[in-house]
Amino acid sequence: MLGRVSGAVPAKIIFQPGKLSSSFFTFARVKGEHLTTERGIEAFAALGTVMRDGAAGVRTGHAGRFAALIESLHLSNPWFTPENTRRAVEATGNILTSEKLTRWLSAYPGLNEEREPETVSVVMAGNIPMVGFHDLLCVLITGNRLQARLSSKDEHLMKAVSETLSAIDQAFTPMIELTTERLKGFTKVIATGSNNTSRYFEYYFRNIPSIIRRNRNSIAIIDGTESPGELGLLGDDIFTYFGLGCRNVIKLYLPEGYDPESLTRHWSRYGTLRSHYKYSVNYDHNKAVMIVNRERFFDGGFVLFRESPSLSPPMAVVHYEFYHQEDLPFAPPEMEGELLQCVAGHGYLPFGTTQQPELWDYADNTDTISFLLKKNKAR
């Protein structure tokens, strides 16, 4: 199956950490272009308006660029369908309001302290549209300079974001560097990749303060009291973005005696997934593998169900596992480790919301703002 944090750079890329020249910061101070937190909030709130308009189909101004990308990105990346790209652009726009940005950042008094900006390199994933945006936001809103290595799978949206932001406030222009070349001159790193590429990241960045993200998955816990509407929303958690995101539910914990086949009648609207060539290839392949291996599974027509303790099924396959009803409230053992991104169910995230994170819902539960505000120790 395609990775849920794909798009990382290959191991051959050479990274050169070091000290950034102060010439940029001198220029910014001379020109009076200091980006305060309040100014950053104003700019990103304006960007949110543009993105919401673009998702709504406005064809003029900067919103028109997002509207055009929504309709055309599937031509270069078939996974970025108009529906999924529109969903991602709209969801991002919805969290970029002055109220939400102010509420989020009010938890960080360190933002009010005077500090010298740093260059932060961000290696972005590209498994779903806009997946690297939150890191971009965190770096810039803390007054730091962004050096981003884009994934080829999601470079067009991220370029549209950065160029629109610069048009809204030109002070962002020299603070954003998008590159496909080797990274250099940085003092902090945020890198997202698979479990395999994360090992390379750990080696390359072993002497640099860093956040290294790996594969994560999400689950849902069914207690048997869910309404038909809630079970329908669970389908959104599973099938949005073809299940490629770390916040997509890929495993169900069911009470003993629960019929997993009954769930498919709540997800009939996702039957159109079979008409998507790449998804259908994965579905047919994984079905054939299970047949050849004589594995027990049942076919939902567009999704395959398999009882398994594994937390990492391939694409188009949902794993499930039973628990004893008397064990409620039930907590799966994986919740104690580092494998889970989020959990849907009663007492957890409401069904249908796993792909609608707020600004304060950090990837891997690692507070990116606190990391960026922390002063580097002398090397």
Protein backbone atom coordinates (compact mmCIF):
# COMPACT_ATOMS: atom_id res chain seq x y z
CA MET A 1 0.00 0.00 0.00
CA LEU A 2 1.06 3.56 -0.56
CA GLY A 3 2.58 5.09 2.56
CA ARG A 4 0.55 7.39 4.75
CA VAL A 5 3.42 9.83 5.08
CA SER A 6 4.94 9.53 1.62
CA GLY A 7 6.82 12.14 -0.35
CA ALA A 8 10.03 12.30 1.65
CA VAL A 9 13.38 13.01 0.07
CA PRO A 10 15.60 10.11 -0.94
CA ALA A 11 18.61 9.20 1.14
CA LYS A 12 21.11 10.54 -1.40
CA ILE A 13 20.26 14.18 -0.70
CA ILE A 14 22.97 15.98 1.20
CA PHE A 15 21.97 18.31 4.04
CA GLN A 16 24.27 21.05 5.23
CA PRO A 17 23.18 22.59 8.54
CA GLY A 18 24.82 25.81 9.52
CA LYS A 19 24.43 29.42 10.48
CA LEU A 20 22.32 31.68 8.27
CA SER A 21 23.79 35.03 7.35
CA SER A 22 22.25 37.91 9.26
CA SER A 23 21.97 40.01 6.09
CA PHE A 24 18.30 39.14 5.61
CA PHE A 25 17.34 40.10 9.12
CA THR A 26 19.25 43.39 8.85
CA PHE A 27 17.35 44.14 5.64
CA ALA A 28 14.03 43.32 7.28
CA ARG A 29 14.72 45.58 10.26
CA VAL A 30 15.92 48.48 8.10
CA LYS A 31 12.82 48.27 5.94
CA GLY A 32 10.57 48.11 8.99
CA GLU A 33 9.08 44.81 7.85
CA HIS A 34 9.22 43.04 11.20
CA LEU A 35 6.53 40.38 11.29
CA THR A 36 4.79 40.55 14.65
CA THR A 37 2.45 37.79 15.76
CA GLU A 38 -0.51 40.11 15.24
CA ARG A 39 0.61 40.86 11.70
CA GLY A 40 1.05 37.17 11.01
CA ILE A 41 -2.45 36.42 12.27
CA GLU A 42 -3.88 39.11 10.00
CA ALA A 43 -2.05 37.73 6.95
CA PHE A 44 -2.99 34.11 7.54
CA ALA A 45 -6.61 35.04 8.24
CA ALA A 46 -6.64 36.81 4.86
CA LEU A 47 -5.14 33.67 3.29
CA GLY A 48 -7.96 31.67 4.89
CA THR A 49 -10.54 33.86 3.19
CA VAL A 50 -8.83 33.34 -0.18
CA MET A 51 -8.76 29.57 0.29
CA ARG A 52 -12.39 29.37 1.35
CA ASP A 53 -13.37 31.43 -1.70
CA GLY A 54 -11.27 29.22 -3.95
CA ALA A 55 -12.90 26.08 -2.54
CA ALA A 56 -16.29 27.67 -3.16
CA GLY A 57 -15.42 28.16 -6.83
CA VAL A 58 -14.58 31.87 -6.94
CA ARG A 59 -12.61 32.36 -10.17
CA THR A 60 -11.22 35.85 -9.65
CA GLY A 61 -8.06 37.08 -7.93
CA HIS A 62 -5.93 34.75 -5.86
CA ALA A 63 -8.95 32.57 -5.07
CA GLY A 64 -9.10 31.75 -8.77
CA ARG A 65 -5.70 30.11 -8.59
CA PHE A 66 -6.90 27.69 -5.91
CA ALA A 67 -10.12 27.06 -7.80
CA ALA A 68 -8.13 26.17 -10.91
CA LEU A 69 -5.79 23.86 -9.00
CA ILE A 70 -8.73 22.07 -7.42
CA GLU A 71 -10.00 21.15 -10.88
CA SER A 72 -6.65 20.35 -12.51
CA LEU A 73 -4.30 18.69 -10.00
CA HIS A 74 -5.66 15.22 -10.72
CA LEU A 75 -4.06 15.47 -14.16
CA SER A 76 -0.57 15.37 -12.62
CA ASN A 77 -1.43 13.46 -9.44
CA PRO A 78 -4.46 11.15 -9.81
CA TRP A 79 -4.84 10.86 -6.02
CA PHE A 80 -5.60 14.60 -5.82
CA THR A 81 -9.13 14.38 -7.17
CA PRO A 82 -11.18 17.60 -7.35
CA GLU A 83 -13.31 16.40 -4.44
CA ASN A 84 -10.36 15.63 -2.19
CA THR A 85 -8.38 18.73 -3.14
CA ARG A 86 -11.41 20.94 -2.55
CA ARG A 87 -11.94 19.29 0.82
CA ALA A 88 -8.33 19.95 1.86
CA VAL A 89 -8.31 23.58 0.68
CA GLU A 90 -11.64 24.28 2.37
CA ALA A 91 -10.63 22.57 5.63
CA THR A 92 -7.41 24.60 5.75
CA GLY A 93 -9.28 27.81 5.01
CA ASN A 94 -11.78 27.06 7.78
CA ILE A 95 -9.12 26.97 10.49
CA LEU A 96 -7.46 30.18 9.30
CA THR A 97 -9.64 32.72 11.05
CA SER A 98 -8.51 35.51 13.35
CA GLU A 99 -10.46 33.96 16.21
CA LYS A 100 -8.95 30.50 15.89
CA LEU A 101 -5.42 31.77 15.25
CA THR A 102 -5.58 34.07 18.28
CA ARG A 103 -6.98 31.33 20.51
CA TRP A 104 -4.27 28.91 19.39
CA LEU A 105 -1.35 31.27 19.83
CA SER A 106 -2.55 32.73 23.13
CA ALA A 107 -1.20 29.57 24.80
CA TYR A 108 2.38 30.61 23.95
CA PRO A 109 3.56 33.65 25.94
CA GLY A 110 7.04 33.07 24.48
CA LEU A 111 5.81 34.57 21.22
CA ASN A 112 5.89 37.97 22.89
CA GLU A 113 9.56 37.70 23.79
CA GLU A 114 12.20 39.29 21.59
CA ARG A 115 14.19 36.64 19.75
CA GLU A 116 16.39 36.31 16.71
CA PRO A 117 14.67 34.49 13.82
CA GLU A 118 16.06 31.11 12.81
CA THR A 119 16.01 29.24 9.53
CA VAL A 120 13.89 26.10 9.86
CA SER A 121 14.08 23.44 7.17
CA VAL A 122 10.87 21.51 6.57
CA VAL A 123 10.86 18.31 4.52
CA MET A 124 7.23 18.01 3.47
CA ALA A 125 5.22 14.91 2.71
CA GLY A 126 2.78 14.71 -0.20
CA ASN A 127 0.43 11.85 0.57
CA ILE A 128 -2.66 14.07 0.77
CA PRO A 129 -3.32 17.65 -0.40
CA MET A 130 -1.99 20.44 1.84
CA VAL A 131 -0.40 17.99 4.27
CA GLY A 132 2.66 20.22 4.75
CA PHE A 133 0.71 23.40 5.43
CA HIS A 134 0.63 23.25 9.22
CA ASP A 135 4.42 23.13 9.43
CA LEU A 136 4.66 26.11 7.07
CA LEU A 137 2.22 28.00 9.28
CA CYS A 138 4.05 27.15 12.50
CA VAL A 139 7.44 28.24 11.18
CA LEU A 140 6.24 31.56 9.77
CA ILE A 141 3.84 32.52 12.56
CA THR A 142 6.70 32.20 15.07
CA GLY A 143 8.72 34.72 13.06
CA ASN A 144 11.19 32.22 11.63
CA ARG A 145 12.40 31.76 8.09
CA LEU A 146 11.03 28.77 6.21
CA GLN A 147 13.21 26.63 3.97
CA ALA A 148 10.88 23.98 2.57
CA ARG A 149 11.71 21.01 0.43
CA LEU A 150 8.44 20.27 -1.28
CA SER A 151 7.14 16.88 -2.27
CA SER A 152 6.72 16.61 -6.02
CA LYS A 153 3.26 15.23 -5.27
CA ASP A 154 2.04 18.44 -3.66
CA GLU A 155 4.28 21.23 -4.91
CA HIS A 156 1.61 23.20 -6.79
CA LEU A 157 -0.66 23.80 -3.81
CA MET A 158 2.21 24.74 -1.51
CA LYS A 159 3.59 27.19 -4.09
CA ALA A 160 0.14 28.73 -4.39
CA VAL A 161 -0.02 29.11 -0.61
CA SER A 162 3.40 30.74 -0.26
CA GLU A 163 2.97 33.07 -3.24
CA THR A 164 -0.50 34.14 -2.12
CA LEU A 165 0.80 34.79 1.38
CA SER A 166 3.60 36.93 -0.05
CA ALA A 167 1.08 38.88 -2.13
CA ILE A 168 -1.00 39.53 0.99
CA ASP A 169 2.04 40.78 2.92
CA GLN A 170 5.32 41.27 1.07
CA ALA A 171 7.28 40.88 4.31
CA PHE A 172 6.81 37.12 3.88
CA THR A 173 8.60 37.06 0.53
CA PRO A 174 12.20 36.88 1.84
CA MET A 175 11.11 34.59 4.68
CA ILE A 176 10.01 31.74 2.41
CA GLU A 177 12.33 29.55 0.37
CA LEU A 178 10.89 26.64 -1.58
CA THR A 179 13.53 24.37 -2.99
CA THR A 180 14.23 21.03 -4.60
CA GLU A 181 17.96 21.44 -3.97
CA ARG A 182 19.94 20.38 -0.92
CA LEU A 183 19.02 22.07 2.33
CA LYS A 184 21.58 24.30 4.00
CA GLY A 185 21.92 27.12 6.47
CA PHE A 186 19.27 25.84 8.87
CA THR A 187 19.30 25.57 12.65
CA LYS A 188 16.16 23.43 13.16
CA VAL A 189 14.50 20.69 11.11
CA ILE A 190 11.00 19.26 10.74
CA ALA A 191 10.95 16.20 8.48
CA THR A 192 8.09 13.87 7.61
CA GLY A 193 8.62 10.50 5.98
CA SER A 194 8.01 6.79 6.15
CA ASN A 195 9.49 4.57 8.84
CA ASN A 196 12.30 3.83 6.41
CA THR A 197 13.17 7.41 5.45
CA SER A 198 12.90 8.54 9.08
CA ARG A 199 16.01 6.50 9.83
CA TYR A 200 17.92 8.49 7.22
CA PHE A 201 16.56 11.72 8.66
CA GLU A 202 17.72 10.73 12.13
CA TYR A 203 21.21 10.16 10.78
CA TYR A 204 21.43 13.32 8.68
CA PHE A 205 19.99 15.56 11.39
CA ARG A 206 21.58 13.87 14.40
CA ASN A 207 23.30 17.10 15.50
CA ILE A 208 20.39 19.44 14.79
CA PRO A 209 17.26 20.03 16.93
CA SER A 210 14.57 18.23 14.98
CA ILE A 211 11.10 16.76 14.79
CA ILE A 212 11.16 13.53 12.78
CA ARG A 213 7.75 12.11 11.90
CA ARG A 214 7.09 8.49 10.97
CA ASN A 215 4.16 6.35 9.90
CA ARG A 216 1.08 6.82 12.05
CA ASN A 217 -2.39 5.32 11.80
CA SER A 218 -5.81 5.97 13.28
CA ILE A 219 -8.49 3.67 14.65
CA ALA A 220 -12.16 3.68 15.60
CA ILE A 221 -13.77 2.02 18.60
CA ILE A 222 -17.35 0.83 18.08
CA ASP A 223 -19.41 0.14 21.22
CA GLY A 224 -22.61 -0.95 19.46
CA THR A 225 -24.72 2.10 20.38
CA GLU A 226 -23.79 4.17 17.33
CA SER A 227 -26.57 5.72 15.28
CA PRO A 228 -26.80 5.13 11.51
CA GLY A 229 -25.66 8.72 11.05
CA GLU A 230 -22.55 8.16 13.14
CA LEU A 231 -21.67 5.00 11.24
CA GLY A 232 -22.09 6.90 7.99
CA LEU A 233 -19.66 9.55 9.23
CA LEU A 234 -17.21 6.79 10.13
CA GLY A 235 -17.03 6.18 6.39
CA ASP A 236 -15.63 9.70 5.98
CA ASP A 237 -12.92 8.90 8.51
CA ILE A 238 -11.96 5.77 6.57
CA PHE A 239 -12.29 6.72 2.90
CA THR A 240 -11.50 10.44 2.66
CA TYR A 241 -8.28 10.91 0.64
CA PHE A 242 -8.50 7.18 -0.26
CA GLY A 243 -7.30 6.35 3.27
CA LEU A 244 -3.82 7.75 2.58
CA GLY A 245 -3.65 10.14 5.54
CA CYS A 246 -2.29 9.32 8.98
CA ARG A 247 -5.64 10.53 10.38
CA ASN A 248 -7.61 8.03 8.29
CA VAL A 249 -9.18 5.20 10.28
CA ILE A 250 -7.75 1.91 9.06
CA LYS A 251 -8.69 -0.42 11.91
CA LEU A 252 -11.93 -1.02 13.80
CA TYR A 253 -12.32 -2.40 17.31
CA LEU A 254 -15.72 -4.08 17.51
CA PRO A 255 -17.67 -5.57 20.45
CA GLU A 256 -17.82 -9.34 20.37
CA GLY A 257 -20.65 -10.55 18.15
CA TYR A 258 -20.80 -7.37 16.08
CA ASP A 259 -21.32 -7.96 12.34
CA PRO A 260 -18.67 -5.95 10.45
CA GLU A 261 -20.43 -6.64 7.13
CA SER A 262 -23.38 -4.56 8.33
CA LEU A 263 -21.22 -1.43 8.19
CA THR A 264 -21.00 -1.35 4.40
CA ARG A 265 -24.64 -0.37 3.96
CA HIS A 266 -23.81 2.94 5.66
CA TRP A 267 -20.96 3.63 3.22
CA SER A 268 -22.66 3.04 -0.14
CA ARG A 269 -21.74 6.53 -1.38
CA TYR A 270 -18.10 5.43 -1.41
CA GLY A 271 -18.81 2.72 -3.97
CA THR A 272 -17.51 5.19 -6.58
CA LEU A 273 -13.99 4.49 -5.31
CA ARG A 274 -13.99 1.45 -7.58
CA SER A 275 -14.10 3.76 -10.59
CA HIS A 276 -10.80 5.35 -9.59
CA TYR A 277 -8.11 3.49 -11.52
CA LYS A 278 -5.32 3.57 -8.95
CA TYR A 279 -7.60 2.67 -6.03
CA SER A 280 -9.18 -0.12 -8.04
CA VAL A 281 -5.76 -1.59 -8.90
CA ASN A 282 -4.90 -1.74 -5.20
CA TYR A 283 -8.29 -3.26 -4.37
CA ASP A 284 -7.97 -6.00 -7.03
CA HIS A 285 -4.36 -6.74 -6.12
CA ASN A 286 -4.99 -7.10 -2.39
CA LYS A 287 -8.09 -9.20 -2.99
CA ALA A 288 -6.10 -11.54 -5.24
CA VAL A 289 -3.32 -11.84 -2.66
CA MET A 290 -5.76 -12.80 0.08
CA ILE A 291 -7.45 -15.36 -2.17
CA VAL A 292 -4.13 -16.95 -3.13
CA ASN A 293 -3.04 -17.03 0.52
CA ARG A 294 -6.42 -18.53 1.51
CA GLU A 295 -7.00 -15.78 4.02
CA ARG A 296 -10.43 -15.21 5.54
CA PHE A 297 -11.96 -11.91 4.48
CA PHE A 298 -15.20 -10.54 3.13
CA ASP A 299 -15.69 -8.29 0.16
CA GLY A 300 -17.72 -5.11 0.64
CA GLY A 301 -17.68 -4.35 -3.09
CA PHE A 302 -15.25 -1.46 -2.77
CA VAL A 303 -13.45 -2.32 0.46
CA LEU A 304 -12.09 -5.57 1.89
CA PHE A 305 -12.50 -6.51 5.56
CA ARG A 306 -10.01 -8.76 7.34
CA GLU A 307 -9.84 -9.70 10.99
CA SER A 308 -6.27 -9.01 12.08
CA PRO A 309 -4.28 -7.64 15.02
CA SER A 310 -2.19 -5.57 12.58
CA LEU A 311 -2.49 -1.80 12.61
CA SER A 312 -1.21 -1.40 9.05
CA PRO A 313 -3.50 -2.85 6.38
CA PRO A 314 -2.81 -2.18 2.68
CA MET A 315 -4.95 0.19 0.66
CA ALA A 316 -8.63 -0.76 0.21
CA VAL A 317 -8.41 -3.10 3.22
CA VAL A 318 -9.84 -2.39 6.68
CA HIS A 319 -8.71 -4.48 9.61
CA TYR A 320 -10.95 -5.25 12.56
CA GLU A 321 -10.59 -6.95 15.90
CA PHE A 322 -13.13 -7.97 18.52
CA TYR A 323 -13.11 -7.14 22.22
CA HIS A 324 -15.28 -8.32 25.10
CA GLN A 325 -18.24 -6.06 25.84
CA GLU A 326 -17.44 -6.17 29.56
CA ASP A 327 -14.10 -4.52 28.79
CA LEU A 328 -15.78 -1.16 28.10
CA PRO A 329 -14.51 1.48 28.24
CA PHE A 330 -12.07 -0.22 25.93
CA ALA A 331 -8.58 1.07 25.21
CA PRO A 332 -6.47 -0.79 22.61
CA PRO A 333 -2.90 -1.58 23.62
CA GLU A 334 -1.51 0.48 20.72
CA MET A 335 -2.70 3.64 22.44
CA GLU A 336 0.16 3.25 24.88
CA GLY A 337 2.76 3.32 22.10
CA GLU A 338 3.78 5.57 19.27
CA LEU A 339 1.69 4.06 16.49
CA LEU A 340 -1.55 6.01 16.75
CA GLN A 341 -2.42 9.43 15.43
CA CYS A 342 -6.00 9.66 16.63
CA VAL A 343 -9.01 7.62 17.78
CA ALA A 344 -12.65 8.01 16.70
CA GLY A 345 -15.55 6.83 18.84
CA HIS A 346 -17.67 7.69 21.84
CA GLY A 347 -15.41 9.39 24.35
CA TYR A 348 -12.84 10.13 21.66
CA LEU A 349 -13.04 12.20 18.47
CA PRO A 350 -16.58 12.37 17.07
CA PHE A 351 -17.13 10.20 14.01
CA GLY A 352 -16.48 12.10 10.79
CA THR A 353 -13.94 14.54 12.26
CA THR A 354 -10.59 12.76 12.09
CA GLN A 355 -9.72 14.61 8.87
CA GLN A 356 -10.74 17.98 10.30
CA PRO A 357 -7.93 18.78 12.75
CA GLU A 358 -7.81 22.12 14.52
CA LEU A 359 -4.71 24.30 14.68
CA TRP A 360 -3.80 22.84 18.07
CA ASP A 361 -4.06 19.21 16.89
CA TYR A 362 -0.38 18.55 16.24
CA ALA A 363 0.93 15.70 14.12
CA ASP A 364 2.33 12.90 16.27
CA ASN A 365 1.09 14.91 19.28
CA THR A 366 4.33 16.91 19.19
CA ASP A 367 3.87 20.60 19.94
CA THR A 368 5.53 22.27 16.95
CA ILE A 369 5.24 25.82 18.29
CA SER A 370 6.96 24.93 21.57
CA PHE A 371 9.72 23.22 19.60
CA LEU A 372 10.24 26.31 17.44
CA LEU A 373 10.26 28.69 20.42
CA LYS A 374 12.82 26.65 22.31
CA LYS A 375 16.26 28.20 22.17
CA ASN A 376 19.00 26.09 20.65
CA LYS A 377 21.82 25.09 22.95
CA ALA A 378 25.28 26.29 21.99
CA ARG A 379 26.95 23.82 19.62
